[in-house]
N, C-alpha and C. Protein backbone atom coordinates (compact mmCIF):
# COMPACT_ATOMS: atom_id res chain seq x y z
N MET A 1 -12.08 -30.58 33.95
CA MET A 1 -12.55 -29.21 34.01
C MET A 1 -11.36 -28.28 34.26
N GLU A 2 -11.04 -27.44 33.29
CA GLU A 2 -9.85 -26.59 33.40
C GLU A 2 -10.08 -25.46 34.39
N LYS A 3 -9.10 -25.28 35.29
CA LYS A 3 -9.18 -24.23 36.30
C LYS A 3 -8.00 -23.27 36.12
N HIS A 4 -8.24 -22.00 36.38
CA HIS A 4 -7.20 -20.98 36.25
C HIS A 4 -7.02 -20.28 37.59
N LYS A 5 -5.81 -19.91 37.91
CA LYS A 5 -5.53 -19.19 39.15
C LYS A 5 -4.94 -17.82 38.84
N TYR A 6 -5.40 -16.83 39.60
CA TYR A 6 -4.93 -15.46 39.43
C TYR A 6 -4.67 -14.84 40.80
N ILE A 7 -3.67 -13.95 40.83
CA ILE A 7 -3.31 -13.28 42.08
C ILE A 7 -3.33 -11.77 41.85
N GLY A 8 -3.94 -11.05 42.78
CA GLY A 8 -3.97 -9.60 42.72
C GLY A 8 -3.86 -9.01 44.11
N LYS A 9 -3.69 -7.70 44.18
CA LYS A 9 -3.61 -7.04 45.49
C LYS A 9 -4.98 -7.07 46.18
N THR A 10 -6.03 -7.10 45.35
CA THR A 10 -7.40 -7.23 45.85
C THR A 10 -8.11 -8.30 45.04
N LYS A 11 -9.26 -8.75 45.52
CA LYS A 11 -10.04 -9.74 44.78
C LYS A 11 -10.50 -9.14 43.46
N GLU A 12 -10.88 -7.87 43.48
CA GLU A 12 -11.35 -7.20 42.26
C GLU A 12 -10.25 -7.17 41.20
N GLU A 13 -9.02 -6.92 41.65
CA GLU A 13 -7.90 -6.87 40.72
C GLU A 13 -7.63 -8.24 40.11
N ALA A 14 -7.72 -9.28 40.93
CA ALA A 14 -7.51 -10.64 40.45
C ALA A 14 -8.60 -11.03 39.44
N ILE A 15 -9.84 -10.62 39.72
CA ILE A 15 -10.95 -10.91 38.80
C ILE A 15 -10.75 -10.19 37.47
N GLN A 16 -10.28 -8.96 37.54
CA GLN A 16 -10.02 -8.19 36.32
C GLN A 16 -8.95 -8.86 35.47
N LEU A 17 -7.93 -9.40 36.11
CA LEU A 17 -6.90 -10.13 35.38
C LEU A 17 -7.49 -11.35 34.66
N ALA A 18 -8.37 -12.04 35.38
CA ALA A 18 -9.02 -13.22 34.80
C ALA A 18 -9.87 -12.84 33.59
N LYS A 19 -10.65 -11.78 33.71
CA LYS A 19 -11.51 -11.33 32.62
C LYS A 19 -10.70 -10.95 31.38
N GLU A 20 -9.57 -10.27 31.62
CA GLU A 20 -8.74 -9.83 30.50
C GLU A 20 -8.07 -11.02 29.79
N GLU A 21 -7.53 -11.95 30.58
CA GLU A 21 -6.82 -13.08 29.97
C GLU A 21 -7.77 -14.04 29.28
N LEU A 22 -8.92 -14.31 29.92
CA LEU A 22 -9.87 -15.28 29.37
C LEU A 22 -10.82 -14.65 28.36
N GLN A 23 -10.82 -13.34 28.28
CA GLN A 23 -11.70 -12.63 27.36
C GLN A 23 -13.16 -13.02 27.60
N GLU A 24 -13.57 -12.95 28.87
CA GLU A 24 -14.93 -13.32 29.26
C GLU A 24 -15.50 -12.28 30.21
N VAL A 25 -16.83 -12.16 30.21
CA VAL A 25 -17.50 -11.29 31.17
C VAL A 25 -17.60 -12.04 32.50
N GLU A 26 -17.71 -11.30 33.59
CA GLU A 26 -17.69 -11.93 34.91
C GLU A 26 -18.86 -12.90 35.11
N GLU A 27 -19.99 -12.64 34.44
CA GLU A 27 -21.17 -13.51 34.59
C GLU A 27 -20.89 -14.93 34.11
N ASN A 28 -19.91 -15.09 33.24
CA ASN A 28 -19.58 -16.42 32.71
C ASN A 28 -18.38 -17.06 33.40
N LEU A 29 -18.01 -16.50 34.55
CA LEU A 29 -16.89 -17.03 35.32
C LEU A 29 -17.35 -17.46 36.71
N PHE A 30 -16.89 -18.62 37.14
CA PHE A 30 -17.14 -19.07 38.50
C PHE A 30 -15.86 -18.86 39.29
N ILE A 31 -15.97 -18.01 40.31
CA ILE A 31 -14.79 -17.53 41.03
C ILE A 31 -14.81 -18.01 42.47
N LYS A 32 -13.71 -18.62 42.87
CA LYS A 32 -13.57 -19.09 44.25
C LYS A 32 -12.30 -18.48 44.84
N GLU A 33 -12.44 -17.83 45.98
CA GLU A 33 -11.27 -17.24 46.64
C GLU A 33 -10.50 -18.34 47.36
N LEU A 34 -9.21 -18.49 47.03
CA LEU A 34 -8.39 -19.55 47.62
C LEU A 34 -7.61 -19.06 48.83
N GLU A 35 -7.05 -17.87 48.72
CA GLU A 35 -6.18 -17.39 49.80
C GLU A 35 -6.18 -15.86 49.82
N SER A 36 -6.16 -15.29 51.00
CA SER A 36 -6.12 -13.84 51.15
C SER A 36 -5.10 -13.48 52.22
N THR A 37 -4.13 -12.65 51.86
CA THR A 37 -3.08 -12.25 52.79
C THR A 37 -3.12 -10.74 52.98
N LYS A 38 -3.23 -10.31 54.21
CA LYS A 38 -3.27 -8.87 54.49
C LYS A 38 -1.88 -8.27 54.37
N GLY A 39 -1.87 -7.02 53.94
CA GLY A 39 -0.59 -6.33 53.81
C GLY A 39 -0.03 -5.92 55.16
N GLY A 40 1.29 -5.81 55.25
CA GLY A 40 1.94 -5.41 56.48
C GLY A 40 3.09 -4.47 56.20
N LEU A 41 3.96 -4.35 57.16
CA LEU A 41 5.08 -3.41 57.04
C LEU A 41 6.02 -3.78 55.90
N PHE A 42 6.28 -5.08 55.75
CA PHE A 42 7.26 -5.52 54.74
C PHE A 42 6.65 -6.39 53.63
N LYS A 43 5.33 -6.50 53.61
CA LYS A 43 4.71 -7.30 52.55
C LYS A 43 3.41 -6.65 52.11
N SER A 44 3.07 -6.87 50.84
CA SER A 44 1.85 -6.29 50.29
C SER A 44 0.69 -7.28 50.38
N ALA A 45 -0.53 -6.75 50.33
CA ALA A 45 -1.72 -7.60 50.37
C ALA A 45 -1.78 -8.46 49.11
N LYS A 46 -2.36 -9.63 49.25
CA LYS A 46 -2.44 -10.56 48.13
C LYS A 46 -3.71 -11.40 48.22
N VAL A 47 -4.39 -11.54 47.10
CA VAL A 47 -5.58 -12.38 47.03
C VAL A 47 -5.43 -13.33 45.86
N GLU A 48 -5.60 -14.62 46.11
CA GLU A 48 -5.52 -15.63 45.05
C GLU A 48 -6.90 -16.21 44.81
N ILE A 49 -7.30 -16.27 43.54
CA ILE A 49 -8.61 -16.83 43.19
C ILE A 49 -8.46 -17.98 42.19
N GLU A 50 -9.46 -18.83 42.19
CA GLU A 50 -9.54 -19.91 41.20
C GLU A 50 -10.74 -19.63 40.31
N VAL A 51 -10.55 -19.72 39.01
CA VAL A 51 -11.60 -19.36 38.07
C VAL A 51 -11.89 -20.51 37.11
N ILE A 52 -13.17 -20.80 36.93
CA ILE A 52 -13.61 -21.79 35.95
C ILE A 52 -14.61 -21.12 35.01
N GLU A 53 -14.40 -21.26 33.72
CA GLU A 53 -15.32 -20.67 32.75
C GLU A 53 -16.60 -21.50 32.66
N ARG A 54 -17.70 -20.82 32.36
CA ARG A 54 -18.99 -21.48 32.27
C ARG A 54 -18.98 -22.60 31.23
N ARG A 55 -18.34 -22.34 30.11
CA ARG A 55 -18.28 -23.36 29.05
C ARG A 55 -17.54 -24.60 29.53
N GLU A 56 -16.56 -24.40 30.44
CA GLU A 56 -15.83 -25.53 31.00
C GLU A 56 -16.71 -26.34 31.95
N VAL A 57 -17.59 -25.63 32.67
CA VAL A 57 -18.52 -26.32 33.57
C VAL A 57 -19.47 -27.19 32.76
N ILE A 58 -20.01 -26.63 31.68
CA ILE A 58 -20.94 -27.37 30.82
C ILE A 58 -20.26 -28.62 30.25
N LYS A 59 -19.05 -28.45 29.78
CA LYS A 59 -18.29 -29.59 29.25
C LYS A 59 -17.93 -30.57 30.37
N GLY A 60 -17.60 -30.04 31.55
CA GLY A 60 -17.21 -30.88 32.69
C GLY A 60 -18.33 -31.79 33.15
N ILE A 61 -19.56 -31.30 33.10
CA ILE A 61 -20.71 -32.13 33.49
C ILE A 61 -20.85 -33.30 32.53
N LYS A 62 -20.72 -33.02 31.24
CA LYS A 62 -20.82 -34.09 30.24
C LYS A 62 -19.72 -35.13 30.46
N ASP A 63 -18.50 -34.67 30.66
CA ASP A 63 -17.37 -35.58 30.87
C ASP A 63 -17.57 -36.45 32.11
N TYR A 64 -18.09 -35.83 33.18
CA TYR A 64 -18.31 -36.56 34.43
C TYR A 64 -19.41 -37.60 34.26
N LEU A 65 -20.47 -37.22 33.54
CA LEU A 65 -21.56 -38.16 33.27
C LEU A 65 -21.04 -39.38 32.52
N ILE A 66 -20.27 -39.13 31.47
CA ILE A 66 -19.73 -40.24 30.68
C ILE A 66 -18.85 -41.14 31.55
N LYS A 67 -18.04 -40.52 32.40
CA LYS A 67 -17.13 -41.26 33.26
C LYS A 67 -17.87 -42.20 34.21
N ILE A 68 -18.88 -41.67 34.93
CA ILE A 68 -19.55 -42.51 35.92
C ILE A 68 -20.46 -43.54 35.25
N LEU A 69 -21.07 -43.18 34.12
CA LEU A 69 -21.93 -44.14 33.43
C LEU A 69 -21.12 -45.27 32.80
N LYS A 70 -19.94 -44.93 32.30
CA LYS A 70 -19.05 -45.96 31.76
C LYS A 70 -18.61 -46.92 32.86
N ALA A 71 -18.33 -46.36 34.05
CA ALA A 71 -17.93 -47.19 35.19
C ALA A 71 -19.07 -48.11 35.63
N MET A 72 -20.32 -47.70 35.35
CA MET A 72 -21.49 -48.51 35.70
C MET A 72 -21.83 -49.51 34.61
N GLY A 73 -21.08 -49.47 33.48
CA GLY A 73 -21.28 -50.45 32.42
C GLY A 73 -22.18 -50.01 31.29
N TYR A 74 -22.50 -48.71 31.24
CA TYR A 74 -23.35 -48.21 30.16
C TYR A 74 -22.52 -47.69 28.99
N ASN A 75 -23.02 -47.92 27.78
CA ASN A 75 -22.47 -47.26 26.60
C ASN A 75 -23.43 -46.13 26.26
N VAL A 76 -22.93 -44.89 26.27
CA VAL A 76 -23.83 -43.75 26.12
C VAL A 76 -23.32 -42.73 25.10
N ASN A 77 -24.27 -42.00 24.56
CA ASN A 77 -24.00 -40.77 23.82
C ASN A 77 -24.78 -39.67 24.54
N ILE A 78 -24.20 -38.48 24.65
CA ILE A 78 -24.86 -37.39 25.36
C ILE A 78 -24.94 -36.16 24.47
N GLU A 79 -26.14 -35.64 24.34
CA GLU A 79 -26.38 -34.41 23.56
C GLU A 79 -26.69 -33.28 24.54
N ILE A 80 -26.11 -32.10 24.29
CA ILE A 80 -26.35 -30.95 25.16
C ILE A 80 -27.22 -29.93 24.43
N LYS A 81 -28.31 -29.50 25.09
CA LYS A 81 -29.18 -28.46 24.53
C LYS A 81 -29.20 -27.25 25.48
N ASN A 82 -29.63 -26.11 24.96
CA ASN A 82 -29.78 -24.87 25.75
C ASN A 82 -28.50 -24.47 26.46
N LYS A 83 -27.39 -24.47 25.75
CA LYS A 83 -26.11 -24.12 26.37
C LYS A 83 -26.09 -22.69 26.91
N GLU A 84 -26.85 -21.80 26.30
CA GLU A 84 -26.85 -20.40 26.72
C GLU A 84 -27.77 -20.15 27.90
N GLU A 85 -28.61 -21.11 28.24
CA GLU A 85 -29.55 -20.94 29.36
C GLU A 85 -29.25 -22.02 30.40
N VAL A 86 -30.24 -22.83 30.73
CA VAL A 86 -30.00 -23.97 31.63
C VAL A 86 -29.67 -25.16 30.75
N PRO A 87 -28.43 -25.64 30.77
CA PRO A 87 -28.06 -26.74 29.88
C PRO A 87 -28.82 -28.02 30.20
N LYS A 88 -29.24 -28.71 29.15
CA LYS A 88 -29.97 -29.97 29.30
C LYS A 88 -29.16 -31.08 28.65
N TYR A 89 -28.85 -32.11 29.43
CA TYR A 89 -28.04 -33.23 28.96
C TYR A 89 -28.97 -34.41 28.66
N ILE A 90 -29.07 -34.77 27.40
CA ILE A 90 -29.93 -35.88 26.99
C ILE A 90 -29.05 -37.10 26.74
N ILE A 91 -29.27 -38.13 27.54
CA ILE A 91 -28.47 -39.35 27.47
C ILE A 91 -29.17 -40.37 26.59
N PHE A 92 -28.43 -40.96 25.66
CA PHE A 92 -28.92 -42.07 24.85
C PHE A 92 -28.04 -43.27 25.20
N SER A 93 -28.65 -44.31 25.77
CA SER A 93 -27.85 -45.45 26.26
C SER A 93 -28.31 -46.76 25.65
N ASP A 94 -27.61 -47.83 26.01
CA ASP A 94 -27.98 -49.16 25.54
C ASP A 94 -29.00 -49.82 26.47
N ASN A 95 -29.39 -49.10 27.55
CA ASN A 95 -30.42 -49.62 28.45
C ASN A 95 -31.12 -48.45 29.15
N ASP A 96 -31.92 -47.72 28.37
CA ASP A 96 -32.59 -46.53 28.90
C ASP A 96 -33.49 -46.83 30.09
N ALA A 97 -34.23 -47.94 30.01
CA ALA A 97 -35.19 -48.26 31.06
C ALA A 97 -34.50 -48.45 32.42
N LEU A 98 -33.37 -49.15 32.43
CA LEU A 98 -32.64 -49.37 33.67
C LEU A 98 -32.03 -48.07 34.18
N LEU A 99 -31.54 -47.26 33.28
CA LEU A 99 -30.93 -45.98 33.66
C LEU A 99 -31.96 -45.03 34.26
N ILE A 100 -33.18 -45.07 33.73
CA ILE A 100 -34.26 -44.22 34.25
C ILE A 100 -34.75 -44.75 35.60
N GLY A 101 -34.97 -46.05 35.69
CA GLY A 101 -35.48 -46.64 36.93
C GLY A 101 -36.98 -46.43 37.08
N LYS A 102 -37.56 -47.06 38.08
CA LYS A 102 -39.00 -46.96 38.32
C LYS A 102 -39.36 -45.54 38.69
N ASN A 103 -40.29 -44.95 37.93
CA ASN A 103 -40.73 -43.56 38.14
C ASN A 103 -39.56 -42.57 38.12
N GLY A 104 -38.52 -42.91 37.38
CA GLY A 104 -37.38 -41.98 37.26
C GLY A 104 -36.45 -41.97 38.45
N LYS A 105 -36.54 -42.98 39.31
CA LYS A 105 -35.75 -43.00 40.55
C LYS A 105 -34.24 -42.99 40.29
N ASN A 106 -33.77 -43.82 39.35
CA ASN A 106 -32.33 -43.89 39.07
C ASN A 106 -31.83 -42.60 38.40
N LEU A 107 -32.66 -42.04 37.54
CA LEU A 107 -32.30 -40.78 36.87
C LEU A 107 -32.17 -39.65 37.89
N LYS A 108 -33.07 -39.62 38.86
CA LYS A 108 -33.01 -38.60 39.90
C LYS A 108 -31.75 -38.75 40.74
N ALA A 109 -31.40 -40.00 41.08
CA ALA A 109 -30.20 -40.26 41.87
C ALA A 109 -28.95 -39.82 41.12
N LEU A 110 -28.94 -40.06 39.81
CA LEU A 110 -27.81 -39.65 38.98
C LEU A 110 -27.68 -38.13 38.99
N SER A 111 -28.78 -37.43 38.91
CA SER A 111 -28.78 -35.96 38.92
C SER A 111 -28.24 -35.42 40.24
N VAL A 112 -28.59 -36.08 41.33
CA VAL A 112 -28.12 -35.65 42.66
C VAL A 112 -26.60 -35.81 42.76
N VAL A 113 -26.09 -36.94 42.28
CA VAL A 113 -24.65 -37.20 42.32
C VAL A 113 -23.87 -36.15 41.52
N VAL A 114 -24.35 -35.85 40.33
CA VAL A 114 -23.67 -34.87 39.47
C VAL A 114 -23.76 -33.47 40.08
N ALA A 115 -24.92 -33.13 40.64
CA ALA A 115 -25.10 -31.82 41.26
C ALA A 115 -24.14 -31.62 42.42
N GLN A 116 -23.93 -32.68 43.21
CA GLN A 116 -23.00 -32.60 44.34
C GLN A 116 -21.57 -32.43 43.86
N TYR A 117 -21.21 -33.13 42.81
CA TYR A 117 -19.87 -33.01 42.23
C TYR A 117 -19.60 -31.58 41.76
N ILE A 118 -20.56 -31.01 41.02
CA ILE A 118 -20.39 -29.66 40.50
C ILE A 118 -20.37 -28.64 41.63
N SER A 119 -21.20 -28.84 42.63
CA SER A 119 -21.22 -27.93 43.78
C SER A 119 -19.88 -27.93 44.49
N ASN A 120 -19.27 -29.10 44.61
CA ASN A 120 -17.95 -29.19 45.25
C ASN A 120 -16.88 -28.49 44.42
N GLU A 121 -16.98 -28.61 43.10
CA GLU A 121 -16.00 -28.01 42.21
C GLU A 121 -16.10 -26.48 42.19
N LEU A 122 -17.34 -25.98 42.20
CA LEU A 122 -17.56 -24.54 42.03
C LEU A 122 -17.71 -23.79 43.35
N GLY A 123 -18.08 -24.52 44.40
CA GLY A 123 -18.37 -23.85 45.66
C GLY A 123 -19.75 -23.23 45.66
N LYS A 124 -20.55 -23.56 44.66
CA LYS A 124 -21.93 -23.07 44.58
C LYS A 124 -22.71 -24.00 43.66
N ASN A 125 -24.04 -23.83 43.66
CA ASN A 125 -24.88 -24.66 42.81
C ASN A 125 -24.88 -24.16 41.37
N PHE A 126 -25.15 -25.08 40.45
CA PHE A 126 -25.22 -24.75 39.02
C PHE A 126 -26.43 -25.47 38.45
N LYS A 127 -27.33 -24.71 37.81
CA LYS A 127 -28.55 -25.31 37.29
C LYS A 127 -28.31 -26.07 35.99
N PHE A 128 -28.81 -27.29 35.94
CA PHE A 128 -28.75 -28.10 34.72
C PHE A 128 -29.82 -29.17 34.82
N VAL A 129 -30.10 -29.82 33.70
CA VAL A 129 -31.11 -30.89 33.66
C VAL A 129 -30.50 -32.10 32.98
N ILE A 130 -30.72 -33.26 33.58
CA ILE A 130 -30.29 -34.52 32.96
C ILE A 130 -31.54 -35.31 32.57
N ASP A 131 -31.57 -35.78 31.34
CA ASP A 131 -32.70 -36.56 30.86
C ASP A 131 -32.18 -37.78 30.11
N VAL A 132 -33.01 -38.78 29.98
CA VAL A 132 -32.66 -39.98 29.23
C VAL A 132 -33.64 -40.14 28.07
N ASN A 133 -33.14 -39.94 26.85
CA ASN A 133 -33.96 -40.12 25.65
C ASN A 133 -35.30 -39.38 25.74
N GLU A 134 -35.24 -38.13 26.24
CA GLU A 134 -36.42 -37.26 26.37
C GLU A 134 -37.48 -37.85 27.32
N TYR A 135 -37.05 -38.69 28.27
CA TYR A 135 -38.00 -39.31 29.20
C TYR A 135 -38.81 -38.26 29.96
N LYS A 136 -38.12 -37.24 30.50
CA LYS A 136 -38.80 -36.24 31.32
C LYS A 136 -39.85 -35.48 30.51
N GLU A 137 -39.48 -35.11 29.28
CA GLU A 137 -40.42 -34.38 28.43
C GLU A 137 -41.65 -35.23 28.12
N LYS A 138 -41.41 -36.50 27.80
CA LYS A 138 -42.53 -37.40 27.51
C LYS A 138 -43.38 -37.63 28.76
N ARG A 139 -42.72 -37.73 29.92
CA ARG A 139 -43.42 -37.94 31.18
C ARG A 139 -44.27 -36.72 31.52
N GLU A 140 -43.74 -35.53 31.28
CA GLU A 140 -44.49 -34.31 31.56
C GLU A 140 -45.73 -34.23 30.68
N GLN A 141 -45.59 -34.60 29.42
CA GLN A 141 -46.73 -34.58 28.49
C GLN A 141 -47.79 -35.60 28.94
N SER A 142 -47.32 -36.76 29.41
CA SER A 142 -48.24 -37.80 29.88
C SER A 142 -48.98 -37.34 31.13
N LEU A 143 -48.26 -36.68 32.05
CA LEU A 143 -48.88 -36.18 33.28
C LEU A 143 -49.89 -35.08 32.98
N GLU A 144 -49.58 -34.25 32.00
CA GLU A 144 -50.51 -33.18 31.62
C GLU A 144 -51.82 -33.76 31.09
N ARG A 145 -51.71 -34.78 30.21
CA ARG A 145 -52.92 -35.41 29.68
C ARG A 145 -53.73 -36.06 30.81
N LEU A 146 -53.03 -36.75 31.72
CA LEU A 146 -53.70 -37.43 32.84
C LEU A 146 -54.40 -36.43 33.73
N ALA A 147 -53.69 -35.35 34.10
CA ALA A 147 -54.24 -34.35 35.02
C ALA A 147 -55.50 -33.71 34.45
N LYS A 148 -55.45 -33.32 33.19
CA LYS A 148 -56.60 -32.64 32.58
C LYS A 148 -57.79 -33.59 32.40
N ARG A 149 -57.49 -34.85 32.06
CA ARG A 149 -58.59 -35.82 31.88
C ARG A 149 -59.32 -36.06 33.20
N ILE A 150 -58.55 -36.28 34.27
CA ILE A 150 -59.17 -36.56 35.57
C ILE A 150 -59.83 -35.30 36.13
N ALA A 151 -59.23 -34.15 35.88
CA ALA A 151 -59.82 -32.89 36.35
C ALA A 151 -61.20 -32.68 35.73
N ARG A 152 -61.32 -33.01 34.44
CA ARG A 152 -62.63 -32.88 33.78
C ARG A 152 -63.65 -33.82 34.41
N GLU A 153 -63.21 -35.04 34.77
CA GLU A 153 -64.11 -36.00 35.41
C GLU A 153 -64.54 -35.51 36.78
N VAL A 154 -63.59 -34.96 37.55
CA VAL A 154 -63.90 -34.45 38.89
C VAL A 154 -64.87 -33.27 38.80
N ARG A 155 -64.64 -32.40 37.84
CA ARG A 155 -65.52 -31.24 37.66
C ARG A 155 -66.94 -31.67 37.30
N ALA A 156 -67.04 -32.73 36.50
CA ALA A 156 -68.36 -33.20 36.06
C ALA A 156 -69.09 -33.98 37.15
N THR A 157 -68.36 -34.81 37.90
CA THR A 157 -69.01 -35.69 38.89
C THR A 157 -69.04 -35.10 40.29
N LYS A 158 -68.21 -34.06 40.55
CA LYS A 158 -68.08 -33.46 41.88
C LYS A 158 -67.52 -34.45 42.90
N VAL A 159 -66.81 -35.46 42.41
CA VAL A 159 -66.19 -36.46 43.28
C VAL A 159 -64.67 -36.34 43.16
N GLU A 160 -63.97 -36.18 44.30
CA GLU A 160 -62.52 -36.02 44.25
C GLU A 160 -61.83 -37.29 43.77
N ALA A 161 -60.63 -37.15 43.24
CA ALA A 161 -59.87 -38.30 42.71
C ALA A 161 -58.45 -38.26 43.24
N LYS A 162 -57.98 -39.43 43.70
CA LYS A 162 -56.61 -39.57 44.18
C LYS A 162 -55.73 -40.14 43.08
N LEU A 163 -54.61 -39.49 42.81
CA LEU A 163 -53.68 -40.00 41.81
C LEU A 163 -52.69 -40.95 42.48
N ASP A 164 -51.96 -41.70 41.67
CA ASP A 164 -50.95 -42.60 42.21
C ASP A 164 -49.84 -41.80 42.88
N PRO A 165 -49.10 -42.41 43.82
CA PRO A 165 -47.96 -41.71 44.45
C PRO A 165 -46.96 -41.22 43.42
N MET A 166 -46.46 -40.01 43.64
CA MET A 166 -45.48 -39.41 42.72
C MET A 166 -44.40 -38.71 43.53
N ASN A 167 -43.26 -38.48 42.90
CA ASN A 167 -42.22 -37.72 43.58
C ASN A 167 -42.60 -36.23 43.56
N SER A 168 -41.83 -35.42 44.28
CA SER A 168 -42.17 -34.00 44.43
C SER A 168 -42.18 -33.27 43.10
N TYR A 169 -41.26 -33.63 42.20
CA TYR A 169 -41.17 -32.99 40.89
C TYR A 169 -42.45 -33.23 40.09
N GLU A 170 -42.93 -34.47 40.07
CA GLU A 170 -44.13 -34.80 39.31
C GLU A 170 -45.39 -34.21 39.95
N ARG A 171 -45.43 -34.18 41.28
CA ARG A 171 -46.58 -33.56 41.96
C ARG A 171 -46.66 -32.08 41.62
N ARG A 172 -45.50 -31.42 41.58
CA ARG A 172 -45.47 -29.99 41.26
C ARG A 172 -45.99 -29.74 39.83
N ILE A 173 -45.67 -30.67 38.91
CA ILE A 173 -46.18 -30.54 37.54
C ILE A 173 -47.70 -30.57 37.53
N ILE A 174 -48.29 -31.52 38.27
CA ILE A 174 -49.75 -31.64 38.35
C ILE A 174 -50.36 -30.37 38.92
N HIS A 175 -49.79 -29.89 40.04
CA HIS A 175 -50.31 -28.66 40.66
C HIS A 175 -50.26 -27.49 39.69
N ASN A 176 -49.15 -27.33 38.99
CA ASN A 176 -48.98 -26.21 38.07
C ASN A 176 -49.97 -26.28 36.90
N ILE A 177 -50.16 -27.49 36.37
CA ILE A 177 -51.06 -27.68 35.22
C ILE A 177 -52.49 -27.29 35.58
N LEU A 178 -52.90 -27.62 36.82
CA LEU A 178 -54.30 -27.41 37.22
C LEU A 178 -54.53 -26.14 38.04
N THR A 179 -53.50 -25.31 38.16
CA THR A 179 -53.64 -24.08 38.95
C THR A 179 -54.83 -23.22 38.48
N ASN A 180 -54.97 -23.06 37.18
CA ASN A 180 -56.04 -22.22 36.64
C ASN A 180 -57.14 -23.02 35.95
N PHE A 181 -57.21 -24.31 36.28
CA PHE A 181 -58.23 -25.18 35.68
C PHE A 181 -59.55 -24.95 36.43
N LYS A 182 -60.57 -24.50 35.72
CA LYS A 182 -61.84 -24.13 36.37
C LYS A 182 -62.54 -25.34 36.99
N GLY A 183 -63.07 -25.15 38.19
CA GLY A 183 -63.91 -26.16 38.82
C GLY A 183 -63.19 -27.16 39.69
N VAL A 184 -61.84 -27.08 39.75
CA VAL A 184 -61.11 -28.03 40.60
C VAL A 184 -59.93 -27.33 41.28
N TYR A 185 -59.41 -27.96 42.32
CA TYR A 185 -58.16 -27.54 42.93
C TYR A 185 -57.41 -28.79 43.39
N THR A 186 -56.14 -28.66 43.68
CA THR A 186 -55.32 -29.83 44.03
C THR A 186 -54.67 -29.67 45.40
N GLU A 187 -54.45 -30.79 46.03
CA GLU A 187 -53.72 -30.84 47.30
C GLU A 187 -52.86 -32.10 47.32
N SER A 188 -51.70 -32.01 47.97
CA SER A 188 -50.86 -33.20 48.17
C SER A 188 -51.18 -33.79 49.54
N GLU A 189 -51.30 -35.10 49.60
CA GLU A 189 -51.60 -35.78 50.85
C GLU A 189 -50.71 -37.01 51.00
N GLY A 190 -50.68 -37.57 52.22
CA GLY A 190 -49.88 -38.76 52.48
C GLY A 190 -48.45 -38.41 52.86
N GLU A 191 -47.68 -39.45 53.17
CA GLU A 191 -46.30 -39.29 53.59
C GLU A 191 -45.35 -39.83 52.53
N GLU A 192 -44.16 -39.22 52.43
CA GLU A 192 -43.14 -39.72 51.51
C GLU A 192 -42.73 -41.13 51.92
N PRO A 193 -42.44 -42.04 50.99
CA PRO A 193 -42.37 -41.82 49.54
C PRO A 193 -43.70 -42.07 48.82
N ASN A 194 -44.79 -42.17 49.60
CA ASN A 194 -46.09 -42.49 49.01
C ASN A 194 -47.02 -41.28 48.96
N ARG A 195 -46.45 -40.09 48.93
CA ARG A 195 -47.26 -38.88 48.86
C ARG A 195 -47.90 -38.77 47.47
N TYR A 196 -49.13 -38.29 47.44
CA TYR A 196 -49.87 -38.27 46.18
C TYR A 196 -50.69 -36.97 46.06
N VAL A 197 -51.20 -36.73 44.86
CA VAL A 197 -52.03 -35.55 44.60
C VAL A 197 -53.50 -35.95 44.60
N VAL A 198 -54.32 -35.11 45.22
CA VAL A 198 -55.77 -35.30 45.18
C VAL A 198 -56.36 -34.13 44.40
N ILE A 199 -57.15 -34.46 43.39
CA ILE A 199 -57.86 -33.43 42.62
C ILE A 199 -59.27 -33.33 43.18
N LYS A 200 -59.65 -32.14 43.64
CA LYS A 200 -60.93 -31.97 44.34
C LYS A 200 -61.83 -30.98 43.62
N PRO A 201 -63.14 -31.20 43.70
CA PRO A 201 -64.08 -30.25 43.05
C PRO A 201 -64.09 -28.94 43.84
N LYS A 202 -64.22 -27.85 43.10
CA LYS A 202 -64.26 -26.54 43.75
C LYS A 202 -65.67 -25.96 43.63
N GLU A 203 -66.16 -25.43 44.75
CA GLU A 203 -67.47 -24.81 44.72
C GLU A 203 -67.40 -23.52 43.91
N GLU A 204 -68.25 -23.41 42.92
CA GLU A 204 -68.27 -22.21 42.10
C GLU A 204 -69.09 -21.13 42.80
N THR A 205 -68.51 -19.96 42.91
CA THR A 205 -69.19 -18.84 43.56
C THR A 205 -69.93 -18.01 42.52
N LYS A 206 -71.14 -17.63 42.86
CA LYS A 206 -71.94 -16.83 41.94
C LYS A 206 -71.56 -15.36 42.08
N GLU A 207 -71.42 -14.72 40.95
CA GLU A 207 -71.07 -13.30 40.96
C GLU A 207 -72.35 -12.47 41.14
N ASP A 208 -72.26 -11.41 41.95
CA ASP A 208 -73.41 -10.54 42.18
C ASP A 208 -73.72 -9.74 40.93
């Protein structure tokens, strides 16, 4: 990940130098202040910053993913989507199932490791998504079908239904899908890592 350093009398001046040289708007620059020296009788004020371009961050995540996955023994290809918004890294490997892990456990751990690396590099968080062969998208579609099917059963029978334990991300998907689903509501119950969603019948109120 290429980093650039600039020095100015003020932080604003150093940032302006970076914008002019890199030909980028400030929104696409990640800026970290490295050193600040106050002016005195015989010396002038000085501020040094480190700048990383957004496109370098996007490329850096891909490079880091390839590096750690290669070290783990995987042969991978990585495709990047939505570069202008939240970049999504889709990994195609020689062992997708192992890379994903049970209920996406290994994939989540990989995302945490990369997020920590980028946070250390930038001094702030950077939003991105890592997926394996569209696993998350397929999983979301599967959860949506499951949630709606069981919600219809709960609405018809007036008997609540407990879903299998899920991680917080998957529970949130269920809650969001059924937020406006008539006749039911959802609650999370239990303790981690066995916390689960319960779909419950809702009493319909008669309008006057």
